Amino acid sequence: MEKLRFPKKPLLQRLKLIIKLRSALMTSFSAKLILFILIFLFDINLVLSKEYASEIFFKIRTETNSEAKSIGSYSKGCLAGAEYLPNHSLHYEALKPSRNRFWGHPNLISYIKNTSKEVFETHGNGLILGDLSMPRGGPMPYGHKSHQTGLDVDIFYERKPDLAMNRFELETFKPRSVLSPNQREINEDLWSDYHYDLLKIATKDDRVTRIFVNPLIKKELCVMAEEKNDMDWLKKMRPWAGHYNHFHVRLSCPKNSELCINQADVNNSSGCGSELDFWMKKDKLFESNSTKIRKWMLLSDLPKSCRKISME
C-alpha cells in the first residue's frame, strides 16, 4: 500500500507560528491583564444595561461626591451631588424617612427651607413633605414616574403639627384629601383661605416652573382668584389627576446643569379656560397614571452620564 505523504514545510511553519504566539502570550503579562480588564468592563456594562434602572438606583443609599447637577428629564434622568434634607425642622416634617427619598438638588433644598419658613411666619404652622428624589435620583420602583433629577417635591395640604412627630408617626401618618368623599367637589369642611395662600406662596419662587394640583382644586382656585381679582399667579398651577392630598412642585433646570432638560414653558394665561374644561370632563379625577411605574425602563434608556453616576 502506498504511504500518504503530507507536505512538511507548511506543517512546520504553522507549528512554529503557534509556538511563537503561545510564547508571546505567556510572557506578555500586561497584555493579558489589559485583555482581562476590557472583557470584565464589557461584561459589567452589558449586565447593567439589561437591568431595570429603578432597581439599580433604589439600592444606592448615598449621594455622589461631586458637583451638584441635574441630568436628563424629570421622568428620565438622574442626580449628581445631591443634598440631603433632614426629616425634622421647626418649619416642616418629612414623612416616611425609611424610603430614603429626601435628596435633591441644592436649589430644591433651599426652596423647601425658604418656602416652609415663609408659611410658618405667615400662618404659624409648618409644612408636611412627601417625596423628593433618591440619593442619585433615577427612576423609583414605585410611587412616581418623575422625581428623578432632584427638582420635584410633594407637599401635603395638611398643616404640620405643633409638636415634632416621632419616627412611628412619620412612617404611618396619612394626610387627608381635600376633596369630598365622592371625589367630585371640594370638601368645604377642610378647604380654606389657608390653602389658597399656601399655593400662592409656593409659586412665588422664580425657580418654580409649575405646580400640579387636582383639577377640582384648580377650579376652586380659579373661582377664588377671580373674586379677589388675583389671576396672574395661576398660570403655574397645572391641573393633573390625583394630587388630592398634596401638590407637586417642580423647579426649572439649574443654570450649571447643562445636561438637564426643561419642560416646555407654561402658557401665559390663567389656565382656567379650555384646559381646565378638558380635565373636568374626565370620569376619574382622583387617579393619576403618573404613579404607574414603567418597570421596563433600563439603565441604557437613561442619559449616558447616569450609568457613571450609578457606578460611582
C-alpha atoms as a PDB file:
ATOM      1  CA  MET A   1       0.000   0.000   0.000  1.00  0.00           C
ATOM      2  CA  GLU A   2       1.309   3.457  -0.905  1.00  0.00           C
ATOM      3  CA  LYS A   3       2.033   5.764   2.063  1.00  0.00           C
ATOM      4  CA  LEU A   4       0.190   9.029   2.294  1.00  0.00           C
ATOM      5  CA  ARG A   5       2.600  11.931   2.041  1.00  0.00           C
ATOM      6  CA  PHE A   6       1.932  15.328   3.718  1.00  0.00           C
ATOM      7  CA  PRO A   7       3.815  18.446   2.797  1.00  0.00           C
ATOM      8  CA  LYS A   8       6.269  19.003   5.658  1.00  0.00           C
ATOM      9  CA  LYS A   9       7.043  22.697   5.143  1.00  0.00           C
ATOM     10  CA  PRO A  10       3.543  24.169   5.735  1.00  0.00           C
ATOM     11  CA  LEU A  11       3.087  21.991   8.823  1.00  0.00           C
ATOM     12  CA  LEU A  12       6.398  23.098  10.290  1.00  0.00           C
ATOM     13  CA  GLN A  13       5.632  26.735   9.591  1.00  0.00           C
ATOM     14  CA  ARG A  14       2.254  26.502  11.361  1.00  0.00           C
ATOM     15  CA  LEU A  15       3.803  24.735  14.325  1.00  0.00           C
ATOM     16  CA  LYS A  16       6.480  27.394  14.679  1.00  0.00           C
ATOM     17  CA  LEU A  17       3.831  30.171  14.470  1.00  0.00           C
ATOM     18  CA  ILE A  18       1.723  28.546  17.182  1.00  0.00           C
ATOM     19  CA  ILE A  19       4.773  28.205  19.444  1.00  0.00           C
ATOM     20  CA  LYS A  20       5.673  31.862  18.911  1.00  0.00           C
ATOM     21  CA  LEU A  21       2.134  33.109  19.659  1.00  0.00           C
ATOM     22  CA  ARG A  22       1.903  30.964  22.764  1.00  0.00           C
ATOM     23  CA  SER A  23       5.254  32.206  23.966  1.00  0.00           C
ATOM     24  CA  ALA A  24       4.269  35.819  23.383  1.00  0.00           C
ATOM     25  CA  LEU A  25       1.029  35.419  25.303  1.00  0.00           C
ATOM     26  CA  MET A  26       2.753  33.628  28.184  1.00  0.00           C
ATOM     27  CA  THR A  27       5.447  36.282  28.518  1.00  0.00           C
ATOM     28  CA  SER A  28       3.233  39.378  27.963  1.00  0.00           C
ATOM     29  CA  PHE A  29       1.518  39.634  31.354  1.00  0.00           C
ATOM     30  CA  SER A  30       0.472  43.243  30.798  1.00  0.00           C
ATOM     31  CA  ALA A  31      -1.290  42.328  27.556  1.00  0.00           C
ATOM     32  CA  LYS A  32      -3.241  39.578  29.288  1.00  0.00           C
ATOM     33  CA  LEU A  33      -4.146  41.934  32.138  1.00  0.00           C
ATOM     34  CA  ILE A  34      -5.436  44.587  29.733  1.00  0.00           C
ATOM     35  CA  LEU A  35      -7.455  41.963  27.861  1.00  0.00           C
ATOM     36  CA  PHE A  36      -8.972  40.709  31.131  1.00  0.00           C
ATOM     37  CA  ILE A  37      -9.932  44.233  32.229  1.00  0.00           C
ATOM     38  CA  LEU A  38     -11.557  45.002  28.885  1.00  0.00           C
ATOM     39  CA  ILE A  39     -13.588  41.789  28.994  1.00  0.00           C
ATOM     40  CA  PHE A  40     -14.612  42.488  32.616  1.00  0.00           C
ATOM     41  CA  LEU A  41     -15.742  46.044  31.861  1.00  0.00           C
ATOM     42  CA  PHE A  42     -17.623  44.904  28.788  1.00  0.00           C
ATOM     43  CA  ASP A  43     -19.456  42.255  30.818  1.00  0.00           C
ATOM     44  CA  ILE A  44     -20.314  44.713  33.602  1.00  0.00           C
ATOM     45  CA  ASN A  45     -21.707  47.270  31.152  1.00  0.00           C
ATOM     46  CA  LEU A  46     -23.656  44.586  29.333  1.00  0.00           C
ATOM     47  CA  VAL A  47     -25.218  43.341  32.590  1.00  0.00           C
ATOM     48  CA  LEU A  48     -26.015  46.830  33.886  1.00  0.00           C
ATOM     49  CA  SER A  49     -27.559  47.916  30.606  1.00  0.00           C
ATOM     50  CA  LYS A  50     -30.010  44.998  30.857  1.00  0.00           C
ATOM     51  CA  GLU A  51     -31.053  45.725  34.474  1.00  0.00           C
ATOM     52  CA  TYR A  52     -34.080  47.808  35.405  1.00  0.00           C
ATOM     53  CA  ALA A  53     -32.881  51.309  36.246  1.00  0.00           C
ATOM     54  CA  SER A  54     -35.288  51.577  39.192  1.00  0.00           C
ATOM     55  CA  GLU A  55     -33.732  48.510  40.858  1.00  0.00           C
ATOM     56  CA  ILE A  56     -30.208  49.848  40.394  1.00  0.00           C
ATOM     57  CA  PHE A  57     -30.888  53.339  41.773  1.00  0.00           C
ATOM     58  CA  PHE A  58     -33.125  52.064  44.586  1.00  0.00           C
ATOM     59  CA  LYS A  59     -30.223  50.025  46.034  1.00  0.00           C
ATOM     60  CA  ILE A  60     -27.906  53.049  46.222  1.00  0.00           C
ATOM     61  CA  ARG A  61     -28.094  54.620  49.694  1.00  0.00           C
ATOM     62  CA  THR A  62     -25.654  57.530  49.380  1.00  0.00           C
ATOM     63  CA  GLU A  63     -25.051  60.524  47.139  1.00  0.00           C
ATOM     64  CA  THR A  64     -22.107  61.053  44.775  1.00  0.00           C
ATOM     65  CA  ASN A  65     -19.146  63.117  45.918  1.00  0.00           C
ATOM     66  CA  SER A  66     -19.282  65.544  43.013  1.00  0.00           C
ATOM     67  CA  GLU A  67     -20.703  68.870  41.905  1.00  0.00           C
ATOM     68  CA  ALA A  68     -24.490  69.070  42.081  1.00  0.00           C
ATOM     69  CA  LYS A  69     -26.046  68.558  38.646  1.00  0.00           C
ATOM     70  CA  SER A  70     -29.465  67.504  37.424  1.00  0.00           C
ATOM     71  CA  ILE A  71     -29.188  65.252  34.365  1.00  0.00           C
ATOM     72  CA  GLY A  72     -31.825  64.361  31.775  1.00  0.00           C
ATOM     73  CA  SER A  73     -35.549  64.992  32.007  1.00  0.00           C
ATOM     74  CA  TYR A  74     -37.831  64.869  35.037  1.00  0.00           C
ATOM     75  CA  SER A  75     -39.031  61.370  34.135  1.00  0.00           C
ATOM     76  CA  LYS A  76     -35.833  60.000  32.575  1.00  0.00           C
ATOM     77  CA  GLY A  77     -32.758  61.234  34.393  1.00  0.00           C
ATOM     78  CA  CYS A  78     -30.559  61.177  37.496  1.00  0.00           C
ATOM     79  CA  LEU A  79     -28.818  63.428  40.004  1.00  0.00           C
ATOM     80  CA  ALA A  80     -25.188  64.067  40.931  1.00  0.00           C
ATOM     81  CA  GLY A  81     -24.010  65.718  44.156  1.00  0.00           C
ATOM     82  CA  ALA A  82     -27.413  65.573  45.856  1.00  0.00           C
ATOM     83  CA  GLU A  83     -28.083  67.342  49.157  1.00  0.00           C
ATOM     84  CA  TYR A  84     -29.964  65.616  51.980  1.00  0.00           C
ATOM     85  CA  LEU A  85     -32.987  67.221  53.657  1.00  0.00           C
ATOM     86  CA  PRO A  86     -33.212  66.385  57.396  1.00  0.00           C
ATOM     87  CA  ASN A  87     -36.532  64.837  58.481  1.00  0.00           C
ATOM     88  CA  HIS A  88     -37.259  67.360  61.226  1.00  0.00           C
ATOM     89  CA  SER A  89     -37.370  71.143  61.256  1.00  0.00           C
ATOM     90  CA  LEU A  90     -39.349  73.842  63.028  1.00  0.00           C
ATOM     91  CA  HIS A  91     -40.809  74.638  59.625  1.00  0.00           C
ATOM     92  CA  TYR A  92     -41.529  71.155  58.222  1.00  0.00           C
ATOM     93  CA  GLU A  93     -41.765  67.399  58.818  1.00  0.00           C
ATOM     94  CA  ALA A  94     -40.780  64.854  56.151  1.00  0.00           C
ATOM     95  CA  LEU A  95     -42.895  61.681  56.042  1.00  0.00           C
ATOM     96  CA  LYS A  96     -41.697  58.097  55.538  1.00  0.00           C
ATOM     97  CA  PRO A  97     -37.959  58.521  56.190  1.00  0.00           C
ATOM     98  CA  SER A  98     -37.438  54.796  55.551  1.00  0.00           C
ATOM     99  CA  ARG A  99     -37.921  55.432  51.830  1.00  0.00           C
ATOM    100  CA  ASN A 100     -34.706  57.486  51.701  1.00  0.00           C
ATOM    101  CA  ARG A 101     -36.296  59.886  49.218  1.00  0.00           C
ATOM    102  CA  PHE A 102     -35.255  63.177  50.821  1.00  0.00           C
ATOM    103  CA  TRP A 103     -32.448  64.071  48.462  1.00  0.00           C
ATOM    104  CA  GLY A 104     -32.492  66.910  45.989  1.00  0.00           C
ATOM    105  CA  HIS A 105     -30.505  69.420  44.035  1.00  0.00           C
ATOM    106  CA  PRO A 106     -29.408  72.266  46.380  1.00  0.00           C
ATOM    107  CA  ASN A 107     -31.886  74.509  44.546  1.00  0.00           C
ATOM    108  CA  LEU A 108     -34.747  72.290  45.716  1.00  0.00           C
ATOM    109  CA  ILE A 109     -33.456  72.071  49.290  1.00  0.00           C
ATOM    110  CA  SER A 110     -33.174  75.866  49.541  1.00  0.00           C
ATOM    111  CA  TYR A 111     -36.639  76.252  48.005  1.00  0.00           C
ATOM    112  CA  ILE A 112     -38.170  73.950  50.631  1.00  0.00           C
ATOM    113  CA  LYS A 113     -36.426  75.705  53.511  1.00  0.00           C
ATOM    114  CA  ASN A 114     -37.352  79.201  52.295  1.00  0.00           C
ATOM    115  CA  THR A 115     -40.963  78.347  51.448  1.00  0.00           C
ATOM    116  CA  SER A 116     -41.658  76.438  54.670  1.00  0.00           C
ATOM    117  CA  LYS A 117     -40.168  79.323  56.673  1.00  0.00           C
ATOM    118  CA  GLU A 118     -42.431  81.851  54.916  1.00  0.00           C
ATOM    119  CA  VAL A 119     -45.508  79.691  55.514  1.00  0.00           C
ATOM    120  CA  PHE A 120     -44.562  79.374  59.198  1.00  0.00           C
ATOM    121  CA  GLU A 121     -44.026  83.114  59.597  1.00  0.00           C
ATOM    122  CA  THR A 122     -47.279  83.927  57.772  1.00  0.00           C
ATOM    123  CA  HIS A 123     -49.629  81.264  59.169  1.00  0.00           C
ATOM    124  CA  GLY A 124     -47.872  79.950  62.278  1.00  0.00           C
ATOM    125  CA  ASN A 125     -47.527  76.376  61.062  1.00  0.00           C
ATOM    126  CA  GLY A 126     -45.002  74.394  59.094  1.00  0.00           C
ATOM    127  CA  LEU A 127     -45.372  72.019  56.135  1.00  0.00           C
ATOM    128  CA  ILE A 128     -45.633  68.239  55.821  1.00  0.00           C
ATOM    129  CA  LEU A 129     -43.472  66.931  52.998  1.00  0.00           C
ATOM    130  CA  GLY A 130     -43.654  63.850  50.817  1.00  0.00           C
ATOM    131  CA  ASP A 131     -41.040  62.526  48.405  1.00  0.00           C
ATOM    132  CA  LEU A 132     -38.181  64.417  46.806  1.00  0.00           C
ATOM    133  CA  SER A 133     -35.678  62.141  44.993  1.00  0.00           C
ATOM    134  CA  MET A 134     -33.450  59.186  45.838  1.00  0.00           C
ATOM    135  CA  PRO A 135     -29.740  59.780  46.654  1.00  0.00           C
ATOM    136  CA  ARG A 136     -28.732  59.739  42.997  1.00  0.00           C
ATOM    137  CA  GLY A 137     -32.141  60.406  41.507  1.00  0.00           C
ATOM    138  CA  GLY A 138     -33.191  57.983  38.807  1.00  0.00           C
ATOM    139  CA  PRO A 139     -36.442  56.030  38.438  1.00  0.00           C
ATOM    140  CA  MET A 140     -38.170  54.847  41.620  1.00  0.00           C
ATOM    141  CA  PRO A 141     -39.501  51.281  41.937  1.00  0.00           C
ATOM    142  CA  TYR A 142     -42.926  52.619  42.947  1.00  0.00           C
ATOM    143  CA  GLY A 143     -44.813  55.873  43.509  1.00  0.00           C
ATOM    144  CA  HIS A 144     -43.613  58.245  40.772  1.00  0.00           C
ATOM    145  CA  LYS A 145     -42.555  58.450  37.160  1.00  0.00           C
ATOM    146  CA  SER A 146     -40.849  61.803  37.704  1.00  0.00           C
ATOM    147  CA  HIS A 147     -38.839  62.929  40.781  1.00  0.00           C
ATOM    148  CA  GLN A 148     -35.693  61.670  39.003  1.00  0.00           C
ATOM    149  CA  THR A 149     -33.494  64.784  38.797  1.00  0.00           C
ATOM    150  CA  GLY A 150     -33.793  66.256  42.301  1.00  0.00           C
ATOM    151  CA  LEU A 151     -36.124  69.063  41.194  1.00  0.00           C
ATOM    152  CA  ASP A 152     -39.547  67.728  42.325  1.00  0.00           C
ATOM    153  CA  VAL A 153     -41.172  67.674  45.774  1.00  0.00           C
ATOM    154  CA  ASP A 154     -44.608  66.711  47.081  1.00  0.00           C
ATOM    155  CA  ILE A 155     -46.128  68.965  49.767  1.00  0.00           C
ATOM    156  CA  PHE A 156     -49.260  67.934  51.660  1.00  0.00           C
ATOM    157  CA  TYR A 157     -52.200  70.268  52.288  1.00  0.00           C
ATOM    158  CA  GLU A 158     -52.398  69.408  55.974  1.00  0.00           C
ATOM    159  CA  ARG A 159     -50.584  71.650  58.425  1.00  0.00           C
ATOM    160  CA  LYS A 160     -47.567  70.429  60.354  1.00  0.00           C
ATOM    161  CA  PRO A 161     -48.464  69.558  63.987  1.00  0.00           C
ATOM    162  CA  ASP A 162     -47.088  71.884  66.669  1.00  0.00           C
ATOM    163  CA  LEU A 163     -45.076  69.081  68.298  1.00  0.00           C
ATOM    164  CA  ALA A 164     -42.344  67.213  66.454  1.00  0.00           C
ATOM    165  CA  MET A 165     -43.552  63.915  65.014  1.00  0.00           C
ATOM    166  CA  ASN A 166     -41.779  60.766  66.185  1.00  0.00           C
ATOM    167  CA  ARG A 167     -40.483  58.082  63.807  1.00  0.00           C
ATOM    168  CA  PHE A 168     -43.630  55.960  64.053  1.00  0.00           C
ATOM    169  CA  GLU A 169     -45.847  58.954  63.275  1.00  0.00           C
ATOM    170  CA  LEU A 170     -43.678  59.943  60.331  1.00  0.00           C
ATOM    171  CA  GLU A 171     -43.956  56.445  58.863  1.00  0.00           C
ATOM    172  CA  THR A 172     -47.713  55.939  59.426  1.00  0.00           C
ATOM    173  CA  PHE A 173     -49.277  59.414  59.100  1.00  0.00           C
ATOM    174  CA  LYS A 174     -51.936  59.534  56.360  1.00  0.00           C
ATOM    175  CA  PRO A 175     -52.703  63.061  55.112  1.00  0.00           C
ATOM    176  CA  ARG A 176     -56.346  63.697  54.287  1.00  0.00           C
ATOM    177  CA  SER A 177     -57.757  64.508  50.875  1.00  0.00           C
ATOM    178  CA  VAL A 178     -59.274  67.981  50.461  1.00  0.00           C
ATOM    179  CA  LEU A 179     -61.865  66.531  48.069  1.00  0.00           C
ATOM    180  CA  SER A 180     -65.306  65.296  49.073  1.00  0.00           C
ATOM    181  CA  PRO A 181     -65.865  61.529  49.525  1.00  0.00           C
ATOM    182  CA  ASN A 182     -67.431  61.291  46.048  1.00  0.00           C
ATOM    183  CA  GLN A 183     -64.300  62.925  44.562  1.00  0.00           C
ATOM    184  CA  ARG A 184     -66.383  65.366  42.501  1.00  0.00           C
ATOM    185  CA  GLU A 185     -66.091  68.543  44.552  1.00  0.00           C
ATOM    186  CA  ILE A 186     -64.015  70.333  47.178  1.00  0.00           C
ATOM    187  CA  ASN A 187     -64.569  69.335  50.799  1.00  0.00           C
ATOM    188  CA  GLU A 188     -65.622  72.692  52.220  1.00  0.00           C
ATOM    189  CA  ASP A 189     -65.092  71.408  55.778  1.00  0.00           C
ATOM    190  CA  LEU A 190     -61.373  71.104  55.077  1.00  0.00           C
ATOM    191  CA  TRP A 191     -60.623  73.684  52.373  1.00  0.00           C
ATOM    192  CA  SER A 192     -59.967  77.269  53.484  1.00  0.00           C
ATOM    193  CA  ASP A 193     -58.227  80.517  52.555  1.00  0.00           C
ATOM    194  CA  TYR A 194     -55.092  78.979  54.073  1.00  0.00           C
ATOM    195  CA  HIS A 195     -54.808  76.546  51.169  1.00  0.00           C
ATOM    196  CA  TYR A 196     -55.210  79.366  48.669  1.00  0.00           C
ATOM    197  CA  ASP A 197     -52.418  81.332  50.376  1.00  0.00           C
ATOM    198  CA  LEU A 198     -50.259  78.205  50.715  1.00  0.00           C
ATOM    199  CA  LEU A 199     -50.334  77.525  46.990  1.00  0.00           C
ATOM    200  CA  LYS A 200     -49.743  81.172  46.136  1.00  0.00           C
ATOM    201  CA  ILE A 201     -46.676  81.282  48.398  1.00  0.00           C
ATOM    202  CA  ALA A 202     -45.420  78.074  46.765  1.00  0.00           C
ATOM    203  CA  THR A 203     -45.431  79.737  43.314  1.00  0.00           C
ATOM    204  CA  LYS A 204     -43.514  82.870  44.321  1.00  0.00           C
ATOM    205  CA  ASP A 205     -40.001  81.495  43.770  1.00  0.00           C
ATOM    206  CA  ASP A 206     -38.846  82.214  40.209  1.00  0.00           C
ATOM    207  CA  ARG A 207     -37.338  78.721  40.001  1.00  0.00           C
ATOM    208  CA  VAL A 208     -40.814  77.135  40.162  1.00  0.00           C
ATOM    209  CA  THR A 209     -41.872  76.178  36.650  1.00  0.00           C
ATOM    210  CA  ARG A 210     -45.211  74.519  37.509  1.00  0.00           C
ATOM    211  CA  ILE A 211     -47.231  73.058  40.387  1.00  0.00           C
ATOM    212  CA  PHE A 212     -49.542  70.088  39.798  1.00  0.00           C
ATOM    213  CA  VAL A 213     -52.889  70.117  41.598  1.00  0.00           C
ATOM    214  CA  ASN A 214     -56.098  68.139  41.202  1.00  0.00           C
ATOM    215  CA  PRO A 215     -58.386  69.667  38.529  1.00  0.00           C
ATOM    216  CA  LEU A 216     -61.089  70.278  41.151  1.00  0.00           C
ATOM    217  CA  ILE A 217     -58.601  72.243  43.234  1.00  0.00           C
ATOM    218  CA  LYS A 218     -57.550  74.231  40.176  1.00  0.00           C
ATOM    219  CA  LYS A 219     -61.215  75.032  39.555  1.00  0.00           C
ATOM    220  CA  GLU A 220     -61.641  76.243  43.145  1.00  0.00           C
ATOM    221  CA  LEU A 221     -58.528  78.413  42.832  1.00  0.00           C
ATOM    222  CA  CYS A 222     -59.906  79.958  39.637  1.00  0.00           C
ATOM    223  CA  VAL A 223     -63.163  80.885  41.385  1.00  0.00           C
ATOM    224  CA  MET A 224     -61.417  82.349  44.435  1.00  0.00           C
ATOM    225  CA  ALA A 225     -58.811  84.235  42.367  1.00  0.00           C
ATOM    226  CA  GLU A 226     -61.484  85.777  40.140  1.00  0.00           C
ATOM    227  CA  GLU A 227     -63.334  87.033  43.207  1.00  0.00           C
ATOM    228  CA  LYS A 228     -60.103  88.561  44.514  1.00  0.00           C
ATOM    229  CA  ASN A 229     -59.073  89.913  41.082  1.00  0.00           C
ATOM    230  CA  ASP A 230     -55.854  87.953  41.570  1.00  0.00           C
ATOM    231  CA  MET A 231     -55.431  85.755  38.491  1.00  0.00           C
ATOM    232  CA  ASP A 232     -51.813  86.379  37.461  1.00  0.00           C
ATOM    233  CA  TRP A 233     -50.156  83.666  39.573  1.00  0.00           C
ATOM    234  CA  LEU A 234     -52.480  80.860  38.447  1.00  0.00           C
ATOM    235  CA  LYS A 235     -50.577  80.029  35.241  1.00  0.00           C
ATOM    236  CA  LYS A 236     -48.121  77.889  37.215  1.00  0.00           C
ATOM    237  CA  MET A 237     -50.948  75.827  38.731  1.00  0.00           C
ATOM    238  CA  ARG A 238     -51.421  72.904  36.357  1.00  0.00           C
ATOM    239  CA  PRO A 239     -54.401  70.541  36.641  1.00  0.00           C
ATOM    240  CA  TRP A 240     -53.479  66.866  36.875  1.00  0.00           C
ATOM    241  CA  ALA A 241     -55.363  63.809  38.105  1.00  0.00           C
ATOM    242  CA  GLY A 242     -54.565  62.599  41.620  1.00  0.00           C
ATOM    243  CA  HIS A 243     -52.912  65.274  43.781  1.00  0.00           C
ATOM    244  CA  TYR A 244     -55.917  65.457  46.109  1.00  0.00           C
ATOM    245  CA  ASN A 245     -53.989  65.362  49.410  1.00  0.00           C
ATOM    246  CA  HIS A 246     -50.797  67.015  48.173  1.00  0.00           C
ATOM    247  CA  PHE A 247     -49.473  69.286  45.448  1.00  0.00           C
ATOM    248  CA  HIS A 248     -46.372  68.604  43.363  1.00  0.00           C
ATOM    249  CA  VAL A 249     -43.821  71.399  42.941  1.00  0.00           C
ATOM    250  CA  ARG A 250     -41.363  71.293  40.033  1.00  0.00           C
ATOM    251  CA  LEU A 251     -38.355  73.573  39.613  1.00  0.00           C
ATOM    252  CA  SER A 252     -36.658  74.540  36.371  1.00  0.00           C
ATOM    253  CA  CYS A 253     -33.228  73.197  35.440  1.00  0.00           C
ATOM    254  CA  PRO A 254     -30.308  74.773  37.348  1.00  0.00           C
ATOM    255  CA  LYS A 255     -28.051  77.024  35.288  1.00  0.00           C
ATOM    256  CA  ASN A 256     -24.966  74.828  35.706  1.00  0.00           C
ATOM    257  CA  SER A 257     -26.766  71.597  34.753  1.00  0.00           C
ATOM    258  CA  GLU A 258     -26.112  71.621  31.028  1.00  0.00           C
ATOM    259  CA  LEU A 259     -27.481  68.072  30.556  1.00  0.00           C
ATOM    260  CA  CYS A 260     -30.779  68.866  32.288  1.00  0.00           C
ATOM    261  CA  ILE A 261     -33.887  69.052  30.070  1.00  0.00           C
ATOM    262  CA  ASN A 262     -36.624  71.540  30.937  1.00  0.00           C
ATOM    263  CA  GLN A 263     -40.297  71.077  30.189  1.00  0.00           C
ATOM    264  CA  ALA A 264     -41.844  73.493  27.744  1.00  0.00           C
ATOM    265  CA  ASP A 265     -42.857  76.789  29.313  1.00  0.00           C
ATOM    266  CA  VAL A 266     -46.425  77.042  30.566  1.00  0.00           C
ATOM    267  CA  ASN A 267     -48.894  79.126  28.597  1.00  0.00           C
ATOM    268  CA  ASN A 268     -49.036  82.746  29.669  1.00  0.00           C
ATOM    269  CA  SER A 269     -52.650  82.502  30.827  1.00  0.00           C
ATOM    270  CA  SER A 270     -54.531  81.592  33.993  1.00  0.00           C
ATOM    271  CA  GLY A 271     -55.360  78.111  32.679  1.00  0.00           C
ATOM    272  CA  CYS A 272     -58.945  78.498  33.858  1.00  0.00           C
ATOM    273  CA  GLY A 273     -60.481  78.037  30.410  1.00  0.00           C
ATOM    274  CA  SER A 274     -60.370  75.212  27.851  1.00  0.00           C
ATOM    275  CA  GLU A 275     -57.531  73.292  29.519  1.00  0.00           C
ATOM    276  CA  LEU A 276     -59.463  73.050  32.772  1.00  0.00           C
ATOM    277  CA  ASP A 277     -62.664  72.188  30.877  1.00  0.00           C
ATOM    278  CA  PHE A 278     -60.840  69.250  29.275  1.00  0.00           C
ATOM    279  CA  TRP A 279     -59.936  67.840  32.675  1.00  0.00           C
ATOM    280  CA  MET A 280     -63.370  68.378  34.153  1.00  0.00           C
ATOM    281  CA  LYS A 281     -64.897  66.105  31.506  1.00  0.00           C
ATOM    282  CA  LYS A 282     -62.884  63.123  32.761  1.00  0.00           C
ATOM    283  CA  ASP A 283     -64.657  60.489  34.860  1.00  0.00           C
ATOM    284  CA  LYS A 284     -61.892  59.864  37.406  1.00  0.00           C
ATOM    285  CA  LEU A 285     -60.074  62.907  38.699  1.00  0.00           C
ATOM    286  CA  PHE A 286     -58.542  61.170  41.689  1.00  0.00           C
ATOM    287  CA  GLU A 287     -56.450  58.606  39.793  1.00  0.00           C
ATOM    288  CA  SER A 288     -53.144  59.502  38.212  1.00  0.00           C
ATOM    289  CA  ASN A 289     -51.371  57.357  35.633  1.00  0.00           C
ATOM    290  CA  SER A 290     -48.116  59.074  36.589  1.00  0.00           C
ATOM    291  CA  THR A 291     -47.811  56.750  39.599  1.00  0.00           C
ATOM    292  CA  LYS A 292     -47.729  53.650  37.381  1.00  0.00           C
ATOM    293  CA  ILE A 293     -44.036  52.935  37.095  1.00  0.00           C
ATOM    294  CA  ARG A 294     -42.569  51.824  33.770  1.00  0.00           C
ATOM    295  CA  LYS A 295     -40.617  48.843  35.097  1.00  0.00           C
ATOM    296  CA  TRP A 296     -39.229  48.236  31.627  1.00  0.00           C
ATOM    297  CA  MET A 297     -37.014  51.344  31.780  1.00  0.00           C
ATOM    298  CA  LEU A 298     -33.441  50.075  31.620  1.00  0.00           C
ATOM    299  CA  LEU A 299     -30.257  51.826  32.652  1.00  0.00           C
ATOM    300  CA  SER A 300     -29.403  52.056  28.959  1.00  0.00           C
ATOM    301  CA  ASP A 301     -32.612  54.106  28.454  1.00  0.00           C
ATOM    302  CA  LEU A 302     -31.270  56.891  30.696  1.00  0.00           C
ATOM    303  CA  PRO A 303     -28.682  59.512  29.680  1.00  0.00           C
ATOM    304  CA  LYS A 304     -25.187  58.031  29.419  1.00  0.00           C
ATOM    305  CA  SER A 305     -23.970  60.069  32.411  1.00  0.00           C
ATOM    306  CA  CYS A 306     -26.444  58.213  34.629  1.00  0.00           C
ATOM    307  CA  ARG A 307     -24.566  54.924  34.174  1.00  0.00           C
ATOM    308  CA  LYS A 308     -21.429  56.529  35.533  1.00  0.00           C
ATOM    309  CA  ILE A 309     -23.364  58.036  38.458  1.00  0.00           C
ATOM    310  CA  SER A 310     -24.870  54.647  39.283  1.00  0.00           C
ATOM    311  CA  MET A 311     -21.393  53.085  39.498  1.00  0.00           C
ATOM    312  CA  GLU A 312     -19.500  55.751  41.481  1.00  0.00           C
END
